[in-house]
Protein backbone atom coordinates (compact mmCIF):
# COMPACT_ATOMS: atom_id res chain seq x y z
CA MET A 1 -29.23 -23.60 -11.83
CA HIS A 2 -29.85 -19.97 -12.30
CA VAL A 3 -27.35 -17.77 -14.22
CA ILE A 4 -27.80 -14.46 -12.64
CA SER A 5 -25.54 -11.70 -15.14
CA THR A 6 -24.55 -8.38 -12.98
CA PHE A 7 -23.22 -4.90 -15.16
CA HIS A 8 -24.11 -2.30 -12.88
CA TYR A 9 -20.50 -1.56 -11.63
CA LYS A 10 -20.79 -0.52 -7.63
CA ASN A 11 -24.48 -0.48 -8.00
CA TYR A 12 -24.77 -4.27 -7.52
CA ARG A 13 -27.89 -4.35 -5.69
CA ALA A 14 -29.81 -2.47 -8.28
CA ASP A 15 -30.02 -5.82 -10.74
CA ILE A 16 -29.68 -8.39 -7.84
CA ASP A 17 -33.26 -9.76 -5.88
CA GLN A 18 -32.15 -12.74 -3.99
CA LEU A 19 -29.35 -14.68 -4.58
CA THR A 20 -29.75 -18.69 -3.45
CA ASN A 21 -27.63 -22.06 -3.46
CA ASN A 22 -29.47 -22.83 -6.62
CA ASP A 23 -27.29 -19.28 -8.33
CA ILE A 24 -25.00 -18.96 -10.53
CA LEU A 25 -23.66 -15.01 -10.37
CA HIS A 26 -21.51 -14.25 -13.06
CA ILE A 27 -20.25 -10.45 -12.10
CA TYR A 28 -18.87 -8.12 -15.16
CA ASP A 29 -15.64 -6.17 -14.67
CA VAL A 30 -13.77 -5.91 -11.18
CA PHE A 31 -14.87 -5.68 -7.99
CA ASP A 32 -13.71 -5.52 -3.99
CA GLN A 33 -14.75 -7.26 -0.79
CA SER A 34 -17.31 -4.21 -0.30
CA ASP A 35 -18.94 -4.69 -3.39
CA ILE A 36 -19.15 -8.92 -2.53
CA ASP A 37 -20.23 -8.03 0.88
CA LEU A 38 -22.63 -5.78 -0.45
CA ILE A 39 -23.99 -8.79 -3.23
CA PHE A 40 -24.31 -11.13 0.05
CA LYS A 41 -27.36 -8.59 1.47
CA ASN A 42 -28.94 -10.08 -0.97
CA GLY A 43 -28.22 -13.64 0.00
CA MET A 44 -25.85 -15.84 -1.56
CA PRO A 45 -25.20 -17.76 -4.21
CA LYS A 46 -23.30 -21.00 -4.97
CA TYR A 47 -20.57 -20.27 -7.32
CA ILE A 48 -19.77 -16.79 -8.52
CA ILE A 49 -17.85 -16.06 -11.48
CA SER A 50 -15.61 -13.26 -12.83
CA ASP A 51 -14.50 -12.44 -16.39
CA HIS A 52 -11.66 -9.84 -15.30
CA ILE A 53 -9.89 -11.46 -12.07
CA THR A 54 -8.93 -14.83 -12.54
CA LYS A 55 -7.54 -15.51 -8.68
CA SER A 56 -8.62 -13.18 -5.67
CA LYS A 57 -8.36 -13.70 -1.76
CA ILE A 58 -11.11 -11.67 -0.98
CA ASN A 59 -13.87 -13.63 1.21
CA PHE A 60 -16.81 -15.39 -0.37
CA ASN A 61 -17.92 -17.00 2.30
CA ASN A 62 -19.30 -20.24 1.32
CA ALA A 63 -19.36 -19.45 -2.42
CA LYS A 64 -17.08 -20.85 -5.18
CA PHE A 65 -15.08 -18.49 -6.53
CA TYR A 66 -13.88 -18.88 -10.31
CA GLY A 67 -12.39 -16.70 -12.59
CA LEU A 68 -11.74 -16.81 -16.29
CA PRO A 69 -9.95 -14.07 -18.48
CA LEU A 70 -13.38 -13.71 -20.84
CA TYR A 71 -12.85 -9.88 -21.18
CA ILE A 72 -9.71 -9.63 -22.46
CA ASN A 73 -9.64 -12.83 -24.44
CA SER A 74 -12.87 -10.80 -26.02
CA ILE A 75 -11.29 -7.76 -26.51
CA SER A 76 -8.10 -9.41 -28.44
CA LYS A 77 -9.86 -10.52 -31.19
CA ASN A 78 -10.94 -7.42 -32.82
CA ILE A 79 -7.64 -5.81 -31.91
CA ILE A 80 -5.96 -8.55 -33.83
CA LYS A 81 -7.87 -8.95 -36.72
CA ASN A 82 -7.76 -5.46 -37.69
CA THR A 83 -3.94 -4.94 -36.60
CA GLU A 84 -0.82 -5.48 -39.10
CA PHE A 85 1.95 -6.18 -36.51
CA ASP A 86 5.33 -4.74 -36.69
CA ASN A 87 8.11 -7.29 -36.59
CA ASN A 88 10.86 -4.42 -36.09
CA ILE A 89 12.50 -3.87 -32.85
CA ASN A 90 13.11 -0.41 -31.99
CA THR A 91 13.55 0.38 -28.23
CA LEU A 92 13.22 4.13 -27.99
CA ASN A 93 12.31 4.12 -23.54
CA CYS A 94 12.98 2.01 -20.98
CA PHE A 95 9.59 1.79 -19.87
CA ASN A 96 6.20 2.80 -20.91
CA PHE A 97 2.75 3.58 -18.87
CA MET A 98 -0.96 4.03 -19.81
CA ILE A 99 -3.42 5.87 -16.79
CA ASN A 100 -6.37 6.87 -17.33
CA LYS A 101 -8.79 6.54 -13.98
CA LYS A 102 -8.29 7.69 -10.74
CA GLN A 103 -6.59 4.65 -8.65
CA ILE A 104 -4.62 4.17 -5.97
CA ASN A 105 -1.90 1.68 -7.50
CA ARG A 106 -1.72 4.23 -10.79
CA PHE A 107 -0.85 7.22 -7.96
CA LEU A 108 1.61 5.34 -6.53
CA CYS A 109 3.14 4.02 -10.02
CA ILE A 110 3.26 7.61 -11.12
CA LYS A 111 4.77 8.86 -8.01
CA PHE A 112 7.49 6.26 -7.79
CA VAL A 113 8.60 6.87 -10.99
CA GLU A 114 9.09 10.63 -9.74
CA TRP A 115 11.02 9.07 -6.42
CA PHE A 116 13.27 6.96 -8.21
CA ASN A 117 14.64 9.81 -10.33
CA LEU A 118 13.14 7.55 -13.56
CA TYR A 119 13.47 9.60 -17.14
CA ASN A 120 13.58 7.34 -19.92
CA PHE A 121 9.52 6.26 -20.60
CA ASP A 122 6.98 7.29 -22.61
CA TYR A 123 3.28 7.47 -21.07
CA THR A 124 -0.22 8.32 -21.26
CA TRP A 125 -2.09 10.15 -17.96
CA SER A 126 -5.22 11.88 -17.60
CA ALA A 127 -4.30 13.34 -14.96
CA VAL A 128 -8.01 13.60 -13.51
CA ASP A 129 -6.09 14.29 -10.20
CA GLN A 130 -2.72 15.11 -8.90
CA GLN A 131 -3.69 13.73 -5.40
CA PHE A 132 -4.93 10.60 -3.19
CA ASP A 133 -6.82 9.74 -0.40
CA MET A 134 -3.11 7.70 1.76
CA SER A 135 -5.22 6.59 4.75
CA LYS A 136 -5.10 3.65 3.64
CA ILE A 137 -1.26 3.52 2.63
CA ILE A 138 -0.74 4.89 5.90
CA TYR A 139 -2.34 1.75 7.33
CA GLU A 140 -0.68 -0.33 5.67
CA LEU A 141 2.72 1.41 6.35
CA ASP A 142 1.75 1.83 10.37
CA LEU A 143 0.60 -2.01 10.40
CA LEU A 144 4.47 -3.16 8.58
CA GLY A 145 6.26 -0.85 11.23
CA LYS A 146 9.36 -1.68 11.20
CA ASP A 147 9.35 -3.71 8.14
CA SER A 148 8.08 -0.94 6.57
CA PRO A 149 10.02 -0.46 2.89
CA LEU A 150 9.58 3.21 3.42
CA ASN A 151 11.56 5.91 4.98
CA LYS A 152 10.49 9.46 6.30
CA ASP A 153 11.53 10.84 3.30
CA THR A 154 9.60 8.56 0.97
CA LYS A 155 6.71 7.98 2.93
CA THR A 156 6.69 12.19 2.87
CA PHE A 157 7.01 12.54 -0.51
CA ILE A 158 4.11 9.97 -1.56
CA LEU A 159 2.05 12.01 0.43
CA SER A 160 2.68 14.86 -2.03
CA GLN A 161 0.77 15.77 -5.09
CA ILE A 162 1.81 14.41 -8.68
CA ARG A 163 4.31 16.43 -10.63
CA LEU A 164 3.82 14.43 -14.00
CA PRO A 165 2.36 16.89 -16.42
CA LYS A 166 -0.77 15.64 -18.47
CA LYS A 167 -0.29 13.47 -21.62
CA PHE A 168 -3.78 12.42 -22.81
CA ILE A 169 -4.39 11.90 -26.60
CA GLU A 170 -8.14 13.52 -27.48
CA PHE A 171 -10.49 11.57 -29.09
CA LEU A 172 -14.11 13.18 -29.42
CA ASP A 173 -14.40 14.44 -26.08
CA THR A 174 -12.37 14.50 -23.11
CA SER A 175 -14.38 15.62 -20.39
CA THR A 176 -13.72 13.90 -17.33
CA ASN A 177 -15.63 13.13 -14.16
CA ASN A 178 -14.42 12.29 -10.54
CA PHE A 179 -12.11 9.22 -11.72
CA GLY A 180 -11.20 9.58 -15.52
CA VAL A 181 -12.09 10.19 -19.03
CA GLN A 182 -15.18 9.12 -19.84
CA ASN A 183 -14.95 8.65 -23.69
CA PHE A 184 -11.39 7.81 -25.02
CA GLY A 185 -12.01 6.09 -27.73
CA GLY A 186 -12.31 2.32 -26.30
CA VAL A 187 -9.22 0.14 -26.14
CA GLU A 188 -9.42 -0.57 -30.07
CA TRP A 189 -8.90 2.79 -31.42
CA SER A 190 -6.53 3.55 -28.39
CA TRP A 191 -4.75 0.91 -29.56
CA GLN A 192 -4.59 1.64 -33.19
CA ASN A 193 -3.78 5.37 -32.40
CA ILE A 194 -1.70 5.51 -29.56
CA MET A 195 -0.85 2.38 -27.77
CA GLN A 196 0.62 0.39 -30.41
CA LYS A 197 3.46 2.96 -30.90
CA LEU A 198 3.80 3.68 -27.42
CA PHE A 199 4.20 0.41 -26.35
CA LEU A 200 6.61 -0.90 -29.74
CA SER A 201 9.05 1.79 -28.32
CA SER A 202 9.27 0.15 -25.52
CA ALA A 203 11.17 -2.49 -23.42
CA ILE A 204 8.96 -2.80 -20.05
CA SER A 205 5.67 -1.78 -19.70
CA LEU A 206 4.49 -0.98 -16.30
CA ILE A 207 0.95 -2.36 -16.06
CA THR A 208 -1.31 -0.79 -13.58
CA GLU A 209 -4.59 -3.20 -13.29
CA THR A 210 -7.75 -1.80 -11.95
CA VAL A 211 -6.68 -3.23 -8.20
CA ALA A 212 -6.35 -1.96 -5.16
CA TYR A 213 -6.10 -3.07 -1.88
CA GLU A 214 -7.47 -6.86 -1.76
CA ARG A 215 -5.55 -9.63 -3.26
CA SER A 216 -6.33 -10.56 -6.66
CA SER A 217 -4.93 -11.04 -10.17
CA VAL A 218 -6.80 -8.90 -13.01
CA PHE A 219 -6.47 -8.99 -16.54
CA THR A 220 -7.55 -6.26 -19.11
CA GLU A 221 -6.09 -4.64 -22.31
CA LYS A 222 -3.65 -2.89 -20.40
CA THR A 223 -1.23 -6.35 -19.92
CA LEU A 224 -2.83 -7.33 -23.99
CA TYR A 225 -1.00 -4.00 -24.94
CA SER A 226 2.27 -5.67 -23.14
CA VAL A 227 2.55 -8.31 -25.03
CA LEU A 228 1.54 -7.13 -28.58
CA GLY A 229 3.62 -4.69 -27.99
CA LEU A 230 5.93 -6.77 -27.32
CA THR A 231 7.52 -5.73 -23.97
CA PHE A 232 8.87 -7.12 -20.72
CA PRO A 233 5.47 -7.00 -18.23
CA ILE A 234 6.02 -5.38 -14.60
CA TRP A 235 2.27 -5.39 -12.69
CA ILE A 236 2.32 -2.79 -10.67
CA GLY A 237 0.16 -3.40 -7.29
CA GLY A 238 -1.32 -6.87 -8.35
CA TYR A 239 -1.45 -10.18 -6.30
CA ASN A 240 0.50 -12.41 -7.81
CA GLN A 241 -0.25 -11.66 -11.33
CA ALA A 242 2.53 -12.68 -13.16
CA ALA A 243 2.28 -16.07 -11.76
CA GLU A 244 -1.10 -16.00 -13.08
CA TRP A 245 -0.36 -14.78 -16.04
CA LYS A 246 2.39 -17.64 -16.35
CA ARG A 247 -0.23 -20.10 -15.51
CA ILE A 248 -2.59 -18.54 -18.76
CA GLY A 249 0.68 -20.12 -20.57
CA PHE A 250 2.69 -16.80 -20.60
CA ASP A 251 6.22 -15.95 -20.53
CA ILE A 252 6.80 -13.77 -17.77
CA PHE A 253 10.61 -13.35 -18.43
CA ASP A 254 11.33 -14.41 -14.77
CA ASP A 255 14.67 -14.50 -16.13
CA ILE A 256 14.66 -10.65 -16.21
CA ILE A 257 12.21 -9.25 -14.86
CA ASP A 258 12.05 -9.74 -10.79
CA HIS A 259 8.42 -10.25 -10.06
CA SER A 260 8.84 -11.19 -6.36
CA TYR A 261 7.37 -7.76 -5.45
CA GLN A 262 3.97 -9.79 -6.24
CA ASN A 263 4.09 -11.58 -3.64
CA TYR A 264 3.85 -9.17 -0.54
CA HIS A 265 1.09 -9.05 1.41
CA THR A 266 0.41 -5.29 0.99
CA LEU A 267 -0.63 -2.68 -1.77
CA ILE A 268 2.21 -0.35 -0.82
CA GLU A 269 5.18 -3.30 -0.94
CA ARG A 270 4.04 -4.65 -4.10
CA CYS A 271 4.50 -1.13 -5.93
CA TYR A 272 7.42 -0.29 -3.99
CA TYR A 273 9.00 -3.41 -4.60
CA ALA A 274 8.49 -3.84 -8.52
CA PHE A 275 10.22 -0.68 -8.90
CA LEU A 276 13.25 -1.26 -6.30
CA PHE A 277 13.88 -4.77 -7.59
CA ASN A 278 13.62 -3.99 -11.31
CA LEU A 279 15.47 -0.70 -10.53
CA ASP A 280 18.16 -1.20 -13.02
CA LEU A 281 16.63 -1.99 -15.80
CA LEU A 282 14.05 0.75 -15.28
CA SER A 283 16.50 2.98 -15.44
CA ASN A 284 19.13 1.84 -18.14
CA ILE A 285 17.80 2.11 -21.56
CA ASN A 286 21.29 0.45 -23.34
CA GLN A 287 20.64 -2.98 -21.11
CA ALA A 288 16.67 -2.64 -21.83
CA ALA A 289 17.00 -2.21 -25.20
CA GLU A 290 19.63 -5.17 -25.38
CA LEU A 291 17.94 -7.77 -23.72
CA ARG A 292 14.98 -6.69 -25.78
CA LEU A 293 16.60 -7.53 -28.99
CA LEU A 294 18.53 -10.27 -27.53
CA HIS A 295 15.05 -12.45 -26.22
CA LYS A 296 12.84 -11.09 -29.42
CA ASN A 297 11.98 -14.77 -30.47
CA ARG A 298 10.07 -15.46 -27.10
CA LEU A 299 8.56 -11.57 -27.42
CA PHE A 300 6.97 -12.51 -30.73
CA LYS A 301 6.36 -16.12 -29.23
CA ASN A 302 4.14 -14.67 -26.91
CA ARG A 303 2.26 -12.39 -28.82
CA ASP A 304 1.92 -15.35 -31.29
CA LEU A 305 -0.21 -17.09 -28.79
CA LEU A 306 -2.55 -14.76 -28.73
CA VAL A 307 -3.21 -14.26 -32.55
CA GLN A 308 -3.51 -18.66 -32.14
CA ASN A 309 -6.22 -17.68 -29.76
CA HIS A 310 -3.85 -19.21 -26.99
CA LEU A 311 -6.74 -17.46 -24.15
CA GLU A 312 -10.04 -19.32 -25.66
CA THR A 313 -7.72 -22.71 -25.88
CA PHE A 314 -7.27 -21.90 -21.67
CA ILE A 315 -10.80 -20.83 -21.12
CA ASN A 316 -12.43 -24.02 -22.68
CA GLN A 317 -9.60 -26.14 -21.12
CA GLU A 318 -10.36 -24.35 -17.43
CA ILE A 319 -14.50 -25.13 -18.22
CA THR A 320 -14.16 -28.75 -18.58
CA THR A 321 -12.50 -28.37 -14.20
CA PHE A 322 -15.34 -26.65 -13.31
CA PRO A 323 -18.73 -28.83 -11.59
CA GLU A 324 -21.06 -30.26 -13.95
CA GLU A 325 -23.54 -28.16 -12.97
CA LEU A 326 -21.43 -24.50 -13.56
CA GLN A 327 -20.07 -25.87 -17.19
CA MET A 328 -23.56 -26.30 -17.51
CA GLY A 329 -24.24 -22.43 -17.06
CA MET A 330 -20.99 -21.23 -18.89
CA PRO A 331 -22.98 -20.78 -22.39
CA GLU A 332 -25.32 -18.78 -20.90
CA ILE A 333 -21.78 -15.99 -19.46
CA GLN A 334 -19.94 -16.86 -22.60
CA LYS A 335 -22.43 -15.19 -24.88
CA TYR A 336 -21.50 -11.54 -23.41
CA PHE A 337 -18.49 -12.30 -25.40
């Protein structure tokens, strides 16, 4: 089979001429339904491989979708190789979050931090834009009707602009476009110089992977940092994120964190209930710190899985379950990682 890899984010048509049932399409980075619809205007491949999304309810028509955590596995190796890990548990904050690029779940994350009057946290935020087009969120709320989790005051509040001040460490050049800081130093520089301290001093990480309204599970450095930083994870917006991370082999601490938010159909519900169901932990520094110490061995074990190359083991095992013709095309895709 013919392997086609596309790397032009939001410009897939530029590097895809024609797709047939004899093609394997590898899509680098995240994508949504509109991207897939655009791709299918050039024909339909037999298989689609994602290196960021491991599960998705996007409509792929007759193409068969397979997702592998190839990206997060690749970036973890250099970070781990160059990190001298600290085993001291010193919890100064209930939670942290890191936000650069503009994304609807990230906007909602900050707005709900503000709405619930949470104050014991640390963060980075580029403040690229304090507002967001909320028309699709309003549509979701209208569809939910009386089942909407937001009352009138909450709805009004999330439609207002973010009040939280900018907090972003400069690398060489922090010039922005409409989406975020372009040259932020890269994932390894960010970990070594900013994120390691940020995560290690927090009990919980609010993980804002690149997700929007489609129901997909995505894993990047945001999830990686949570594991390396010994924090309890809460994914803001992703669908089935916790269950997927557990399937991959990691402890999601579901006896501590209520992950039932992940199963809701709409983005607004998944974001809102991630906060509501875990509000005690997000607002009680003493409880969060005690739980982190109590379960430190589990946190260490999660980190050890990464250090011991568990992601690569998982990927190799997953590939053995693929159709044989797809397995034969995987080396062509894996060479990029």
